[in-house]
Amino acid sequence: MCWSWFEKPILKTEIIEETEGLDEDEKLTNLAVGDMMGGFEGMVYADMYNSDYSATTTFLITYKDGSTAVKEVEKGTSLYRKYIRYCK
């Protein structure tokens, strides 16, 4: 089911904080090494490591109804690309 139909319309977003972490190339390298060294289990551990040490951005989201929310997302994800479009 697509939950985007039920999301509040976004007015704008602001970046509150950015943390350093793994970039996309490093994540892919980790997955490849995990696959070579441990097969499927190695890839699972590499993915868990990537999630724990990924670069993140924290957004303050202001909705059209005036309410706000703070959300932290990994850089490069679809949510990140969605929120960065509303950044002013």
C-alpha atoms as a PDB file:
ATOM      1  CA  MET A   1       0.000   0.000   0.000  1.00  0.00           C
ATOM      2  CA  CYS A   2       1.289   3.445  -0.837  1.00  0.00           C
ATOM      3  CA  TRP A   3       1.350   5.612   2.278  1.00  0.00           C
ATOM      4  CA  SER A   4       2.283   8.786   0.404  1.00  0.00           C
ATOM      5  CA  TRP A   5      -1.438   9.478  -0.114  1.00  0.00           C
ATOM      6  CA  PHE A   6      -1.801  10.029   3.616  1.00  0.00           C
ATOM      7  CA  GLU A   7       1.243  12.237   4.173  1.00  0.00           C
ATOM      8  CA  LYS A   8       0.745  15.877   5.008  1.00  0.00           C
ATOM      9  CA  PRO A   9       1.778  18.300   2.262  1.00  0.00           C
ATOM     10  CA  ILE A  10       5.213  19.811   2.938  1.00  0.00           C
ATOM     11  CA  LEU A  11       5.659  23.572   2.835  1.00  0.00           C
ATOM     12  CA  LYS A  12       9.432  23.696   3.381  1.00  0.00           C
ATOM     13  CA  THR A  13      12.350  21.928   5.008  1.00  0.00           C
ATOM     14  CA  GLU A  14      15.489  23.164   6.748  1.00  0.00           C
ATOM     15  CA  ILE A  15      18.693  21.268   7.429  1.00  0.00           C
ATOM     16  CA  ILE A  16      19.356  21.204  11.167  1.00  0.00           C
ATOM     17  CA  GLU A  17      22.383  18.916  11.268  1.00  0.00           C
ATOM     18  CA  GLU A  18      24.589  16.869   8.975  1.00  0.00           C
ATOM     19  CA  THR A  19      26.832  14.060  10.141  1.00  0.00           C
ATOM     20  CA  GLU A  20      29.817  12.632   8.312  1.00  0.00           C
ATOM     21  CA  GLY A  21      29.852   8.977   7.430  1.00  0.00           C
ATOM     22  CA  LEU A  22      30.275   6.483   4.660  1.00  0.00           C
ATOM     23  CA  ASP A  23      29.631   7.682   1.117  1.00  0.00           C
ATOM     24  CA  GLU A  24      27.903   5.550  -1.526  1.00  0.00           C
ATOM     25  CA  ASP A  25      31.191   4.197  -2.958  1.00  0.00           C
ATOM     26  CA  GLU A  26      32.341   3.035   0.469  1.00  0.00           C
ATOM     27  CA  LYS A  27      28.999   1.332   1.084  1.00  0.00           C
ATOM     28  CA  LEU A  28      29.246  -0.582  -2.198  1.00  0.00           C
ATOM     29  CA  THR A  29      32.824  -1.586  -1.395  1.00  0.00           C
ATOM     30  CA  ASN A  30      31.721  -2.884   2.020  1.00  0.00           C
ATOM     31  CA  LEU A  31      28.958  -4.964   0.420  1.00  0.00           C
ATOM     32  CA  ALA A  32      31.339  -6.415  -2.178  1.00  0.00           C
ATOM     33  CA  VAL A  33      33.949  -7.318   0.445  1.00  0.00           C
ATOM     34  CA  GLY A  34      31.259  -8.763   2.696  1.00  0.00           C
ATOM     35  CA  ASP A  35      30.033 -10.931  -0.175  1.00  0.00           C
ATOM     36  CA  MET A  36      33.546 -12.148  -1.005  1.00  0.00           C
ATOM     37  CA  MET A  37      34.471 -12.941   2.585  1.00  0.00           C
ATOM     38  CA  GLY A  38      31.211 -14.189   4.037  1.00  0.00           C
ATOM     39  CA  GLY A  39      28.684 -14.681   1.263  1.00  0.00           C
ATOM     40  CA  PHE A  40      25.129 -13.736   2.151  1.00  0.00           C
ATOM     41  CA  GLU A  41      25.895 -13.458   5.868  1.00  0.00           C
ATOM     42  CA  GLY A  42      28.844 -11.169   5.122  1.00  0.00           C
ATOM     43  CA  MET A  43      26.599  -8.913   3.039  1.00  0.00           C
ATOM     44  CA  VAL A  44      24.063  -8.741   5.866  1.00  0.00           C
ATOM     45  CA  TYR A  45      26.758  -7.643   8.317  1.00  0.00           C
ATOM     46  CA  ALA A  46      28.134  -5.143   5.774  1.00  0.00           C
ATOM     47  CA  ASP A  47      24.643  -3.695   5.301  1.00  0.00           C
ATOM     48  CA  MET A  48      24.197  -3.374   9.067  1.00  0.00           C
ATOM     49  CA  TYR A  49      27.586  -1.646   9.302  1.00  0.00           C
ATOM     50  CA  ASN A  50      26.658   0.678   6.433  1.00  0.00           C
ATOM     51  CA  SER A  51      23.407   1.647   8.163  1.00  0.00           C
ATOM     52  CA  ASP A  52      25.152   2.345  11.456  1.00  0.00           C
ATOM     53  CA  TYR A  53      27.918   4.474   9.933  1.00  0.00           C
ATOM     54  CA  SER A  54      26.124   6.254   7.084  1.00  0.00           C
ATOM     55  CA  ALA A  55      26.180   9.995   6.627  1.00  0.00           C
ATOM     56  CA  THR A  56      22.879  11.466   7.820  1.00  0.00           C
ATOM     57  CA  THR A  57      20.998  14.725   7.575  1.00  0.00           C
ATOM     58  CA  THR A  58      18.445  15.953  10.096  1.00  0.00           C
ATOM     59  CA  PHE A  59      15.611  18.019   8.619  1.00  0.00           C
ATOM     60  CA  LEU A  60      13.095  20.319  10.263  1.00  0.00           C
ATOM     61  CA  ILE A  61       9.972  19.783   8.181  1.00  0.00           C
ATOM     62  CA  THR A  62       7.248  22.435   8.146  1.00  0.00           C
ATOM     63  CA  TYR A  63       3.906  21.252   6.802  1.00  0.00           C
ATOM     64  CA  LYS A  64       1.313  23.421   5.081  1.00  0.00           C
ATOM     65  CA  ASP A  65      -1.004  23.130   8.106  1.00  0.00           C
ATOM     66  CA  GLY A  66       1.679  24.793  10.282  1.00  0.00           C
ATOM     67  CA  SER A  67       2.830  21.699  12.160  1.00  0.00           C
ATOM     68  CA  THR A  68       6.487  20.671  12.218  1.00  0.00           C
ATOM     69  CA  ALA A  69       8.513  17.484  12.548  1.00  0.00           C
ATOM     70  CA  VAL A  70      12.186  16.609  12.864  1.00  0.00           C
ATOM     71  CA  LYS A  71      13.425  13.626  10.840  1.00  0.00           C
ATOM     72  CA  GLU A  72      16.873  12.157  10.417  1.00  0.00           C
ATOM     73  CA  VAL A  73      17.527  10.371   7.107  1.00  0.00           C
ATOM     74  CA  GLU A  74      20.516   8.758   5.424  1.00  0.00           C
ATOM     75  CA  LYS A  75      22.070  10.827   2.663  1.00  0.00           C
ATOM     76  CA  GLY A  76      21.284   9.594  -0.818  1.00  0.00           C
ATOM     77  CA  THR A  77      18.041   7.814   0.088  1.00  0.00           C
ATOM     78  CA  SER A  78      14.722   8.564  -1.556  1.00  0.00           C
ATOM     79  CA  LEU A  79      13.514  10.385   1.595  1.00  0.00           C
ATOM     80  CA  TYR A  80      16.647  12.549   1.551  1.00  0.00           C
ATOM     81  CA  ARG A  81      16.020  13.484  -2.090  1.00  0.00           C
ATOM     82  CA  LYS A  82      12.378  14.255  -1.281  1.00  0.00           C
ATOM     83  CA  TYR A  83      13.187  16.525   1.673  1.00  0.00           C
ATOM     84  CA  ILE A  84      16.083  18.311  -0.032  1.00  0.00           C
ATOM     85  CA  ARG A  85      13.708  19.426  -2.815  1.00  0.00           C
ATOM     86  CA  TYR A  86      11.781  21.514  -0.268  1.00  0.00           C
ATOM     87  CA  CYS A  87      14.896  23.062   1.273  1.00  0.00           C
ATOM     88  CA  LYS A  88      14.929  26.844   0.878  1.00  0.00           C
END
